[in-house]
Amino acid sequence: MTLIGSDLTPYLALLLVGVLPSEMWRWLGLVVGRGMDENSELLVWVRAVATATLAAVVAKLAFFPAGALAGLPLGWRMAALAVGIAAYAAGRRSVLLGVLASEVVVVSGAW
């Protein structure tokens, strides 16, 4: 039995194309940034770029959604955005809390 053409082929493709390229950069960042000061200009810039990228993805999902999210009215999407930002701020800048709070609003709006 060969690996190509078996039931494991999609998982192998996901690993090679989806996971490994991303993980390579994460590990490289870990190695390079290990001894750096958290307040160095380079890490402040990296944090700013990561935040801007996340904001762009959230804005795209809110204003130009695709798939099932496109069926949700704009009011629900804006409510989810507002609740997520409020939860992020109230939860001491917890991205996880902001995302979960937004998800609750989106799921309840779709329901």
PDB file of N, CA and C in Angstrom:
ATOM      1  N   MET A   1       0.843  -1.184   0.000  1.00  0.00           N
ATOM      2  CA  MET A   1       0.000   0.000   0.000  1.00  0.00           C
ATOM      3  C   MET A   1       0.889   1.248   0.000  1.00  0.00           C
ATOM      4  N   THR A   2       0.632   2.161  -0.881  1.00  0.00           N
ATOM      5  CA  THR A   2       1.426   3.385  -0.959  1.00  0.00           C
ATOM      6  C   THR A   2       0.740   4.495  -0.180  1.00  0.00           C
ATOM      7  N   LEU A   3       1.523   5.453   0.236  1.00  0.00           N
ATOM      8  CA  LEU A   3       0.976   6.570   0.996  1.00  0.00           C
ATOM      9  C   LEU A   3       0.182   7.512   0.094  1.00  0.00           C
ATOM     10  N   ILE A   4       0.679   7.732  -1.131  1.00  0.00           N
ATOM     11  CA  ILE A   4      -0.043   8.577  -2.091  1.00  0.00           C
ATOM     12  C   ILE A   4      -1.236   7.775  -2.616  1.00  0.00           C
ATOM     13  N   GLY A   5      -2.399   8.364  -2.567  1.00  0.00           N
ATOM     14  CA  GLY A   5      -3.603   7.694  -3.018  1.00  0.00           C
ATOM     15  C   GLY A   5      -4.335   6.966  -1.908  1.00  0.00           C
ATOM     16  N   SER A   6      -3.782   7.005  -0.695  1.00  0.00           N
ATOM     17  CA  SER A   6      -4.456   6.349   0.422  1.00  0.00           C
ATOM     18  C   SER A   6      -5.347   7.355   1.147  1.00  0.00           C
ATOM     19  N   ASP A   7      -5.964   6.896   2.205  1.00  0.00           N
ATOM     20  CA  ASP A   7      -6.825   7.780   2.997  1.00  0.00           C
ATOM     21  C   ASP A   7      -6.025   8.847   3.747  1.00  0.00           C
ATOM     22  N   LEU A   8      -4.728   8.667   3.860  1.00  0.00           N
ATOM     23  CA  LEU A   8      -3.883   9.612   4.596  1.00  0.00           C
ATOM     24  C   LEU A   8      -3.351  10.747   3.732  1.00  0.00           C
ATOM     25  N   THR A   9      -3.579  10.696   2.433  1.00  0.00           N
ATOM     26  CA  THR A   9      -3.041  11.713   1.517  1.00  0.00           C
ATOM     27  C   THR A   9      -3.473  13.130   1.883  1.00  0.00           C
ATOM     28  N   PRO A  10      -4.757  13.395   2.176  1.00  0.00           N
ATOM     29  CA  PRO A  10      -5.121  14.775   2.542  1.00  0.00           C
ATOM     30  C   PRO A  10      -4.421  15.262   3.809  1.00  0.00           C
ATOM     31  N   TYR A  11      -4.220  14.368   4.767  1.00  0.00           N
ATOM     32  CA  TYR A  11      -3.554  14.764   6.006  1.00  0.00           C
ATOM     33  C   TYR A  11      -2.074  15.048   5.770  1.00  0.00           C
ATOM     34  N   LEU A  12      -1.462  14.264   4.903  1.00  0.00           N
ATOM     35  CA  LEU A  12      -0.069  14.508   4.559  1.00  0.00           C
ATOM     36  C   LEU A  12       0.080  15.848   3.844  1.00  0.00           C
ATOM     37  N   ALA A  13      -0.840  16.136   2.920  1.00  0.00           N
ATOM     38  CA  ALA A  13      -0.808  17.417   2.210  1.00  0.00           C
ATOM     39  C   ALA A  13      -1.005  18.576   3.180  1.00  0.00           C
ATOM     40  N   LEU A  14      -1.937  18.437   4.115  1.00  0.00           N
ATOM     41  CA  LEU A  14      -2.172  19.474   5.118  1.00  0.00           C
ATOM     42  C   LEU A  14      -0.928  19.717   5.958  1.00  0.00           C
ATOM     43  N   LEU A  15      -0.261  18.649   6.341  1.00  0.00           N
ATOM     44  CA  LEU A  15       0.957  18.768   7.141  1.00  0.00           C
ATOM     45  C   LEU A  15       2.068  19.460   6.354  1.00  0.00           C
ATOM     46  N   LEU A  16       2.275  19.036   5.109  1.00  0.00           N
ATOM     47  CA  LEU A  16       3.371  19.590   4.312  1.00  0.00           C
ATOM     48  C   LEU A  16       3.124  21.018   3.849  1.00  0.00           C
ATOM     49  N   VAL A  17       1.881  21.344   3.509  1.00  0.00           N
ATOM     50  CA  VAL A  17       1.591  22.654   2.934  1.00  0.00           C
ATOM     51  C   VAL A  17       1.054  23.634   3.966  1.00  0.00           C
ATOM     52  N   GLY A  18       0.361  23.130   4.981  1.00  0.00           N
ATOM     53  CA  GLY A  18      -0.278  24.020   5.940  1.00  0.00           C
ATOM     54  C   GLY A  18       0.488  24.230   7.226  1.00  0.00           C
ATOM     55  N   VAL A  19       0.995  23.170   7.794  1.00  0.00           N
ATOM     56  CA  VAL A  19       1.588  23.266   9.127  1.00  0.00           C
ATOM     57  C   VAL A  19       3.077  23.582   9.085  1.00  0.00           C
ATOM     58  N   LEU A  20       3.824  22.825   8.332  1.00  0.00           N
ATOM     59  CA  LEU A  20       5.285  22.982   8.353  1.00  0.00           C
ATOM     60  C   LEU A  20       5.785  24.374   7.960  1.00  0.00           C
ATOM     61  N   PRO A  21       5.252  24.998   6.898  1.00  0.00           N
ATOM     62  CA  PRO A  21       5.743  26.350   6.580  1.00  0.00           C
ATOM     63  C   PRO A  21       5.490  27.349   7.701  1.00  0.00           C
ATOM     64  N   SER A  22       4.371  27.237   8.370  1.00  0.00           N
ATOM     65  CA  SER A  22       4.053  28.156   9.462  1.00  0.00           C
ATOM     66  C   SER A  22       4.915  27.862  10.691  1.00  0.00           C
ATOM     67  N   GLU A  23       5.047  26.601  11.011  1.00  0.00           N
ATOM     68  CA  GLU A  23       5.824  26.225  12.199  1.00  0.00           C
ATOM     69  C   GLU A  23       7.295  26.584  12.063  1.00  0.00           C
ATOM     70  N   MET A  24       7.823  26.522  10.857  1.00  0.00           N
ATOM     71  CA  MET A  24       9.224  26.865  10.641  1.00  0.00           C
ATOM     72  C   MET A  24       9.496  28.292  11.116  1.00  0.00           C
ATOM     73  N   TRP A  25       8.610  29.232  10.759  1.00  0.00           N
ATOM     74  CA  TRP A  25       8.808  30.627  11.140  1.00  0.00           C
ATOM     75  C   TRP A  25       8.598  30.826  12.632  1.00  0.00           C
ATOM     76  N   ARG A  26       7.689  30.075  13.221  1.00  0.00           N
ATOM     77  CA  ARG A  26       7.474  30.191  14.676  1.00  0.00           C
ATOM     78  C   ARG A  26       8.718  29.760  15.441  1.00  0.00           C
ATOM     79  N   TRP A  27       9.287  28.627  15.042  1.00  0.00           N
ATOM     80  CA  TRP A  27      10.482  28.141  15.722  1.00  0.00           C
ATOM     81  C   TRP A  27      11.667  29.069  15.495  1.00  0.00           C
ATOM     82  N   LEU A  28      11.794  29.592  14.275  1.00  0.00           N
ATOM     83  CA  LEU A  28      12.876  30.537  13.993  1.00  0.00           C
ATOM     84  C   LEU A  28      12.718  31.794  14.850  1.00  0.00           C
ATOM     85  N   GLY A  29      11.501  32.293  14.986  1.00  0.00           N
ATOM     86  CA  GLY A  29      11.243  33.455  15.844  1.00  0.00           C
ATOM     87  C   GLY A  29      11.575  33.176  17.296  1.00  0.00           C
ATOM     88  N   LEU A  30      11.284  31.965  17.736  1.00  0.00           N
ATOM     89  CA  LEU A  30      11.603  31.584  19.110  1.00  0.00           C
ATOM     90  C   LEU A  30      13.106  31.574  19.346  1.00  0.00           C
ATOM     91  N   VAL A  31      13.834  31.014  18.411  1.00  0.00           N
ATOM     92  CA  VAL A  31      15.288  30.936  18.552  1.00  0.00           C
ATOM     93  C   VAL A  31      15.919  32.325  18.475  1.00  0.00           C
ATOM     94  N   VAL A  32      15.505  33.131  17.506  1.00  0.00           N
ATOM     95  CA  VAL A  32      16.109  34.455  17.311  1.00  0.00           C
ATOM     96  C   VAL A  32      15.717  35.410  18.438  1.00  0.00           C
ATOM     97  N   GLY A  33      14.478  35.348  18.880  1.00  0.00           N
ATOM     98  CA  GLY A  33      13.995  36.302  19.870  1.00  0.00           C
ATOM     99  C   GLY A  33      14.217  35.911  21.316  1.00  0.00           C
ATOM    100  N   ARG A  34      14.865  34.792  21.558  1.00  0.00           N
ATOM    101  CA  ARG A  34      15.032  34.297  22.920  1.00  0.00           C
ATOM    102  C   ARG A  34      15.723  35.288  23.848  1.00  0.00           C
ATOM    103  N   GLY A  35      16.773  35.895  23.406  1.00  0.00           N
ATOM    104  CA  GLY A  35      17.530  36.782  24.284  1.00  0.00           C
ATOM    105  C   GLY A  35      17.190  38.260  24.128  1.00  0.00           C
ATOM    106  N   MET A  36      16.185  38.572  23.353  1.00  0.00           N
ATOM    107  CA  MET A  36      15.865  39.981  23.080  1.00  0.00           C
ATOM    108  C   MET A  36      15.051  40.594  24.213  1.00  0.00           C
ATOM    109  N   ASP A  37      15.233  41.875  24.380  1.00  0.00           N
ATOM    110  CA  ASP A  37      14.446  42.637  25.340  1.00  0.00           C
ATOM    111  C   ASP A  37      13.031  42.813  24.784  1.00  0.00           C
ATOM    112  N   GLU A  38      12.026  42.597  25.630  1.00  0.00           N
ATOM    113  CA  GLU A  38      10.627  42.713  25.181  1.00  0.00           C
ATOM    114  C   GLU A  38      10.271  44.102  24.679  1.00  0.00           C
ATOM    115  N   ASN A  39      10.975  45.104  25.138  1.00  0.00           N
ATOM    116  CA  ASN A  39      10.679  46.478  24.744  1.00  0.00           C
ATOM    117  C   ASN A  39      11.611  46.996  23.659  1.00  0.00           C
ATOM    118  N   SER A  40      12.347  46.090  23.005  1.00  0.00           N
ATOM    119  CA  SER A  40      13.241  46.533  21.934  1.00  0.00           C
ATOM    120  C   SER A  40      12.400  47.027  20.755  1.00  0.00           C
ATOM    121  N   GLU A  41      12.998  47.880  19.948  1.00  0.00           N
ATOM    122  CA  GLU A  41      12.275  48.457  18.810  1.00  0.00           C
ATOM    123  C   GLU A  41      11.805  47.390  17.834  1.00  0.00           C
ATOM    124  N   LEU A  42      12.607  46.362  17.631  1.00  0.00           N
ATOM    125  CA  LEU A  42      12.234  45.307  16.696  1.00  0.00           C
ATOM    126  C   LEU A  42      10.986  44.560  17.184  1.00  0.00           C
ATOM    127  N   LEU A  43      10.938  44.184  18.454  1.00  0.00           N
ATOM    128  CA  LEU A  43       9.781  43.458  18.967  1.00  0.00           C
ATOM    129  C   LEU A  43       8.539  44.347  19.061  1.00  0.00           C
ATOM    130  N   VAL A  44       8.720  45.618  19.320  1.00  0.00           N
ATOM    131  CA  VAL A  44       7.578  46.545  19.305  1.00  0.00           C
ATOM    132  C   VAL A  44       7.013  46.619  17.892  1.00  0.00           C
ATOM    133  N   TRP A  45       7.891  46.664  16.890  1.00  0.00           N
ATOM    134  CA  TRP A  45       7.445  46.694  15.497  1.00  0.00           C
ATOM    135  C   TRP A  45       6.736  45.396  15.120  1.00  0.00           C
ATOM    136  N   VAL A  46       7.298  44.258  15.521  1.00  0.00           N
ATOM    137  CA  VAL A  46       6.684  42.963  15.221  1.00  0.00           C
ATOM    138  C   VAL A  46       5.293  42.878  15.856  1.00  0.00           C
ATOM    139  N   ARG A  47       5.164  43.325  17.086  1.00  0.00           N
ATOM    140  CA  ARG A  47       3.865  43.322  17.769  1.00  0.00           C
ATOM    141  C   ARG A  47       2.862  44.225  17.049  1.00  0.00           C
ATOM    142  N   ALA A  48       3.335  45.369  16.572  1.00  0.00           N
ATOM    143  CA  ALA A  48       2.454  46.294  15.851  1.00  0.00           C
ATOM    144  C   ALA A  48       1.991  45.693  14.526  1.00  0.00           C
ATOM    145  N   VAL A  49       2.886  45.028  13.815  1.00  0.00           N
ATOM    146  CA  VAL A  49       2.511  44.387  12.551  1.00  0.00           C
ATOM    147  C   VAL A  49       1.514  43.256  12.803  1.00  0.00           C
ATOM    148  N   ALA A  50       1.747  42.463  13.838  1.00  0.00           N
ATOM    149  CA  ALA A  50       0.826  41.365  14.159  1.00  0.00           C
ATOM    150  C   ALA A  50      -0.553  41.903  14.531  1.00  0.00           C
ATOM    151  N   THR A  51      -0.590  42.979  15.282  1.00  0.00           N
ATOM    152  CA  THR A  51      -1.871  43.581  15.668  1.00  0.00           C
ATOM    153  C   THR A  51      -2.595  44.154  14.455  1.00  0.00           C
ATOM    154  N   ALA A  52      -1.857  44.818  13.575  1.00  0.00           N
ATOM    155  CA  ALA A  52      -2.469  45.375  12.367  1.00  0.00           C
ATOM    156  C   ALA A  52      -2.994  44.273  11.457  1.00  0.00           C
ATOM    157  N   THR A  53      -2.274  43.177  11.360  1.00  0.00           N
ATOM    158  CA  THR A  53      -2.733  42.054  10.548  1.00  0.00           C
ATOM    159  C   THR A  53      -4.011  41.450  11.112  1.00  0.00           C
ATOM    160  N   LEU A  54      -4.058  41.280  12.421  1.00  0.00           N
ATOM    161  CA  LEU A  54      -5.266  40.759  13.065  1.00  0.00           C
ATOM    162  C   LEU A  54      -6.444  41.712  12.861  1.00  0.00           C
ATOM    163  N   ALA A  55      -6.202  43.011  12.990  1.00  0.00           N
ATOM    164  CA  ALA A  55      -7.268  43.997  12.779  1.00  0.00           C
ATOM    165  C   ALA A  55      -7.780  43.956  11.341  1.00  0.00           C
ATOM    166  N   ALA A  56      -6.881  43.766  10.384  1.00  0.00           N
ATOM    167  CA  ALA A  56      -7.296  43.681   8.976  1.00  0.00           C
ATOM    168  C   ALA A  56      -8.148  42.447   8.720  1.00  0.00           C
ATOM    169  N   VAL A  57      -7.780  41.331   9.301  1.00  0.00           N
ATOM    170  CA  VAL A  57      -8.558  40.101   9.130  1.00  0.00           C
ATOM    171  C   VAL A  57      -9.942  40.256   9.753  1.00  0.00           C
ATOM    172  N   VAL A  58     -10.004  40.838  10.941  1.00  0.00           N
ATOM    173  CA  VAL A  58     -11.290  41.040  11.610  1.00  0.00           C
ATOM    174  C   VAL A  58     -12.167  41.995  10.796  1.00  0.00           C
ATOM    175  N   ALA A  59     -11.586  43.074  10.282  1.00  0.00           N
ATOM    176  CA  ALA A  59     -12.358  44.027   9.474  1.00  0.00           C
ATOM    177  C   ALA A  59     -12.872  43.377   8.197  1.00  0.00           C
ATOM    178  N   LYS A  60     -12.050  42.562   7.565  1.00  0.00           N
ATOM    179  CA  LYS A  60     -12.491  41.870   6.351  1.00  0.00           C
ATOM    180  C   LYS A  60     -13.645  40.930   6.665  1.00  0.00           C
ATOM    181  N   LEU A  61     -13.550  40.187   7.766  1.00  0.00           N
ATOM    182  CA  LEU A  61     -14.635  39.283   8.151  1.00  0.00           C
ATOM    183  C   LEU A  61     -15.904  40.042   8.500  1.00  0.00           C
ATOM    184  N   ALA A  62     -15.768  41.211   9.102  1.00  0.00           N
ATOM    185  CA  ALA A  62     -16.946  41.965   9.535  1.00  0.00           C
ATOM    186  C   ALA A  62     -17.627  42.673   8.366  1.00  0.00           C
ATOM    187  N   PHE A  63     -16.859  43.262   7.468  1.00  0.00           N
ATOM    188  CA  PHE A  63     -17.451  44.076   6.411  1.00  0.00           C
ATOM    189  C   PHE A  63     -17.613  43.362   5.074  1.00  0.00           C
ATOM    190  N   PHE A  64     -16.777  42.376   4.802  1.00  0.00           N
ATOM    191  CA  PHE A  64     -16.847  41.638   3.542  1.00  0.00           C
ATOM    192  C   PHE A  64     -16.799  40.135   3.812  1.00  0.00           C
ATOM    193  N   PRO A  65     -17.806  39.607   4.504  1.00  0.00           N
ATOM    194  CA  PRO A  65     -17.758  38.193   4.895  1.00  0.00           C
ATOM    195  C   PRO A  65     -17.995  37.259   3.708  1.00  0.00           C
ATOM    196  N   ALA A  66     -17.566  36.037   3.887  1.00  0.00           N
ATOM    197  CA  ALA A  66     -17.803  34.994   2.887  1.00  0.00           C
ATOM    198  C   ALA A  66     -18.493  33.822   3.575  1.00  0.00           C
ATOM    199  N   GLY A  67     -19.087  32.977   2.789  1.00  0.00           N
ATOM    200  CA  GLY A  67     -19.704  31.769   3.314  1.00  0.00           C
ATOM    201  C   GLY A  67     -20.918  32.055   4.173  1.00  0.00           C
ATOM    202  N   ALA A  68     -21.046  31.276   5.247  1.00  0.00           N
ATOM    203  CA  ALA A  68     -22.210  31.379   6.123  1.00  0.00           C
ATOM    204  C   ALA A  68     -22.272  32.728   6.836  1.00  0.00           C
ATOM    205  N   LEU A  69     -21.132  33.331   7.091  1.00  0.00           N
ATOM    206  CA  LEU A  69     -21.112  34.625   7.781  1.00  0.00           C
ATOM    207  C   LEU A  69     -21.754  35.721   6.933  1.00  0.00           C
ATOM    208  N   ALA A  70     -21.749  35.547   5.624  1.00  0.00           N
ATOM    209  CA  ALA A  70     -22.359  36.541   4.736  1.00  0.00           C
ATOM    210  C   ALA A  70     -23.870  36.602   4.915  1.00  0.00           C
ATOM    211  N   GLY A  71     -24.464  35.513   5.395  1.00  0.00           N
ATOM    212  CA  GLY A  71     -25.906  35.490   5.636  1.00  0.00           C
ATOM    213  C   GLY A  71     -26.320  36.189   6.910  1.00  0.00           C
ATOM    214  N   LEU A  72     -25.377  36.502   7.763  1.00  0.00           N
ATOM    215  CA  LEU A  72     -25.665  37.191   9.024  1.00  0.00           C
ATOM    216  C   LEU A  72     -25.765  38.689   8.746  1.00  0.00           C
ATOM    217  N   PRO A  73     -26.825  39.337   9.227  1.00  0.00           N
ATOM    218  CA  PRO A  73     -26.982  40.777   8.969  1.00  0.00           C
ATOM    219  C   PRO A  73     -25.810  41.597   9.521  1.00  0.00           C
ATOM    220  N   LEU A  74     -25.574  42.744   8.886  1.00  0.00           N
ATOM    221  CA  LEU A  74     -24.469  43.615   9.274  1.00  0.00           C
ATOM    222  C   LEU A  74     -24.581  44.035  10.739  1.00  0.00           C
ATOM    223  N   GLY A  75     -25.785  44.254  11.236  1.00  0.00           N
ATOM    224  CA  GLY A  75     -25.977  44.643  12.635  1.00  0.00           C
ATOM    225  C   GLY A  75     -25.437  43.615  13.607  1.00  0.00           C
ATOM    226  N   TRP A  76     -25.667  42.336  13.318  1.00  0.00           N
ATOM    227  CA  TRP A  76     -25.133  41.277  14.190  1.00  0.00           C
ATOM    228  C   TRP A  76     -23.618  41.225  14.120  1.00  0.00           C
ATOM    229  N   ARG A  77     -23.072  41.410  12.930  1.00  0.00           N
ATOM    230  CA  ARG A  77     -21.612  41.391  12.804  1.00  0.00           C
ATOM    231  C   ARG A  77     -20.983  42.561  13.544  1.00  0.00           C
ATOM    232  N   MET A  78     -21.605  43.747  13.480  1.00  0.00           N
ATOM    233  CA  MET A  78     -21.084  44.911  14.200  1.00  0.00           C
ATOM    234  C   MET A  78     -21.241  44.722  15.712  1.00  0.00           C
ATOM    235  N   ALA A  79     -22.343  44.105  16.125  1.00  0.00           N
ATOM    236  CA  ALA A  79     -22.533  43.815  17.553  1.00  0.00           C
ATOM    237  C   ALA A  79     -21.451  42.853  18.039  1.00  0.00           C
ATOM    238  N   ALA A  80     -21.157  41.841  17.235  1.00  0.00           N
ATOM    239  CA  ALA A  80     -20.104  40.892  17.607  1.00  0.00           C
ATOM    240  C   ALA A  80     -18.752  41.586  17.714  1.00  0.00           C
ATOM    241  N   LEU A  81     -18.499  42.503  16.793  1.00  0.00           N
ATOM    242  CA  LEU A  81     -17.253  43.261  16.829  1.00  0.00           C
ATOM    243  C   LEU A  81     -17.168  44.122  18.088  1.00  0.00           C
ATOM    244  N   ALA A  82     -18.251  44.816  18.417  1.00  0.00           N
ATOM    245  CA  ALA A  82     -18.268  45.676  19.610  1.00  0.00           C
ATOM    246  C   ALA A  82     -18.123  44.861  20.887  1.00  0.00           C
ATOM    247  N   VAL A  83     -18.829  43.745  20.964  1.00  0.00           N
ATOM    248  CA  VAL A  83     -18.738  42.888  22.162  1.00  0.00           C
ATOM    249  C   VAL A  83     -17.337  42.299  22.289  1.00  0.00           C
ATOM    250  N   GLY A  84     -16.752  41.903  21.168  1.00  0.00           N
ATOM    251  CA  GLY A  84     -15.389  41.364  21.198  1.00  0.00           C
ATOM    252  C   GLY A  84     -14.372  42.382  21.662  1.00  0.00           C
ATOM    253  N   ILE A  85     -14.497  43.625  21.191  1.00  0.00           N
ATOM    254  CA  ILE A  85     -13.574  44.683  21.619  1.00  0.00           C
ATOM    255  C   ILE A  85     -13.763  44.992  23.101  1.00  0.00           C
ATOM    256  N   ALA A  86     -15.011  45.032  23.547  1.00  0.00           N
ATOM    257  CA  ALA A  86     -15.282  45.294  24.968  1.00  0.00           C
ATOM    258  C   ALA A  86     -14.737  44.171  25.846  1.00  0.00           C
ATOM    259  N   ALA A  87     -14.924  42.936  25.422  1.00  0.00           N
ATOM    260  CA  ALA A  87     -14.405  41.805  26.204  1.00  0.00           C
ATOM    261  C   ALA A  87     -12.880  41.806  26.214  1.00  0.00           C
ATOM    262  N   TYR A  88     -12.282  42.164  25.095  1.00  0.00           N
ATOM    263  CA  TYR A  88     -10.814  42.274  25.006  1.00  0.00           C
ATOM    264  C   TYR A  88     -10.299  43.303  26.000  1.00  0.00           C
ATOM    265  N   ALA A  89     -10.970  44.463  26.048  1.00  0.00           N
ATOM    266  CA  ALA A  89     -10.536  45.527  26.961  1.00  0.00           C
ATOM    267  C   ALA A  89     -10.797  45.153  28.417  1.00  0.00           C
ATOM    268  N   ALA A  90     -11.963  44.565  28.677  1.00  0.00           N
ATOM    269  CA  ALA A  90     -12.307  44.199  30.058  1.00  0.00           C
ATOM    270  C   ALA A  90     -11.472  43.030  30.559  1.00  0.00           C
ATOM    271  N   GLY A  91     -11.049  42.178  29.662  1.00  0.00           N
ATOM    272  CA  GLY A  91     -10.279  40.999  30.049  1.00  0.00           C
ATOM    273  C   GLY A  91      -8.791  41.215  30.022  1.00  0.00           C
ATOM    274  N   ARG A  92      -8.348  42.395  30.300  1.00  0.00           N
ATOM    275  CA  ARG A  92      -6.922  42.743  30.346  1.00  0.00           C
ATOM    276  C   ARG A  92      -6.206  42.367  29.057  1.00  0.00           C
ATOM    277  N   ARG A  93      -6.797  42.782  27.935  1.00  0.00           N
ATOM    278  CA  ARG A  93      -6.227  42.585  26.601  1.00  0.00           C
ATOM    279  C   ARG A  93      -6.082  41.113  26.237  1.00  0.00           C
ATOM    280  N   SER A  94      -7.078  40.321  26.582  1.00  0.00           N
ATOM    281  CA  SER A  94      -7.073  38.899  26.252  1.00  0.00           C
ATOM    282  C   SER A  94      -7.733  38.697  24.886  1.00  0.00           C
ATOM    283  N   VAL A  95      -6.934  38.329  23.895  1.00  0.00           N
ATOM    284  CA  VAL A  95      -7.452  38.084  22.552  1.00  0.00           C
ATOM    285  C   VAL A  95      -8.423  36.903  22.586  1.00  0.00           C
ATOM    286  N   LEU A  96      -8.097  35.880  23.341  1.00  0.00           N
ATOM    287  CA  LEU A  96      -8.970  34.707  23.442  1.00  0.00           C
ATOM    288  C   LEU A  96     -10.347  35.088  23.965  1.00  0.00           C
ATOM    289  N   LEU A  97     -10.400  35.898  24.998  1.00  0.00           N
ATOM    290  CA  LEU A  97     -11.681  36.329  25.553  1.00  0.00           C
ATOM    291  C   LEU A  97     -12.467  37.159  24.528  1.00  0.00           C
ATOM    292  N   GLY A  98     -11.791  38.035  23.812  1.00  0.00           N
ATOM    293  CA  GLY A  98     -12.460  38.832  22.789  1.00  0.00           C
ATOM    294  C   GLY A  98     -13.030  37.987  21.670  1.00  0.00           C
ATOM    295  N   VAL A  99     -12.273  36.988  21.221  1.00  0.00           N
ATOM    296  CA  VAL A  99     -12.739  36.108  20.153  1.00  0.00           C
ATOM    297  C   VAL A  99     -13.917  35.263  20.636  1.00  0.00           C
ATOM    298  N   LEU A 100     -13.827  34.714  21.836  1.00  0.00           N
ATOM    299  CA  LEU A 100     -14.922  33.889  22.357  1.00  0.00           C
ATOM    300  C   LEU A 100     -16.202  34.700  22.545  1.00  0.00           C
ATOM    301  N   ALA A 101     -16.078  35.910  23.038  1.00  0.00           N
ATOM    302  CA  ALA A 101     -17.255  36.764  23.224  1.00  0.00           C
ATOM    303  C   ALA A 101     -17.893  37.089  21.874  1.00  0.00           C
ATOM    304  N   SER A 102     -17.083  37.373  20.878  1.00  0.00           N
ATOM    305  CA  SER A 102     -17.602  37.647  19.542  1.00  0.00           C
ATOM    306  C   SER A 102     -18.299  36.418  18.963  1.00  0.00           C
ATOM    307  N   GLU A 103     -17.702  35.254  19.198  1.00  0.00           N
ATOM    308  CA  GLU A 103     -18.306  34.015  18.705  1.00  0.00           C
ATOM    309  C   GLU A 103     -19.678  33.777  19.299  1.00  0.00           C
ATOM    310  N   VAL A 104     -19.834  34.086  20.576  1.00  0.00           N
ATOM    311  CA  VAL A 104     -21.134  33.914  21.222  1.00  0.00           C
ATOM    312  C   VAL A 104     -22.173  34.772  20.518  1.00  0.00           C
ATOM    313  N   VAL A 105     -21.828  36.010  20.191  1.00  0.00           N
ATOM    314  CA  VAL A 105     -22.768  36.906  19.520  1.00  0.00           C
ATOM    315  C   VAL A 105     -23.075  36.403  18.110  1.00  0.00           C
ATOM    316  N   VAL A 106     -22.062  35.963  17.384  1.00  0.00           N
ATOM    317  CA  VAL A 106     -22.272  35.473  16.014  1.00  0.00           C
ATOM    318  C   VAL A 106     -23.149  34.225  16.010  1.00  0.00           C
ATOM    319  N   VAL A 107     -22.859  33.297  16.909  1.00  0.00           N
ATOM    320  CA  VAL A 107     -23.646  32.062  16.952  1.00  0.00           C
ATOM    321  C   VAL A 107     -25.077  32.350  17.382  1.00  0.00           C
ATOM    322  N   SER A 108     -25.262  33.219  18.355  1.00  0.00           N
ATOM    323  CA  SER A 108     -26.631  33.536  18.776  1.00  0.00           C
ATOM    324  C   SER A 108     -27.371  34.302  17.673  1.00  0.00           C
ATOM    325  N   GLY A 109     -26.683  35.124  16.910  1.00  0.00           N
ATOM    326  CA  GLY A 109     -27.310  35.828  15.800  1.00  0.00           C
ATOM    327  C   GLY A 109     -27.689  34.882  14.663  1.00  0.00           C
ATOM    328  N   ALA A 110     -26.861  33.876  14.428  1.00  0.00           N
ATOM    329  CA  ALA A 110     -27.158  32.895  13.376  1.00  0.00           C
ATOM    330  C   ALA A 110     -28.260  31.947  13.811  1.00  0.00           C
ATOM    331  N   TRP A 111     -28.373  31.741  15.102  1.00  0.00           N
ATOM    332  CA  TRP A 111     -29.391  30.831  15.629  1.00  0.00           C
ATOM    333  C   TRP A 111     -30.744  31.453  15.582  1.00  0.00           C
TER     334      TRP A 111
END
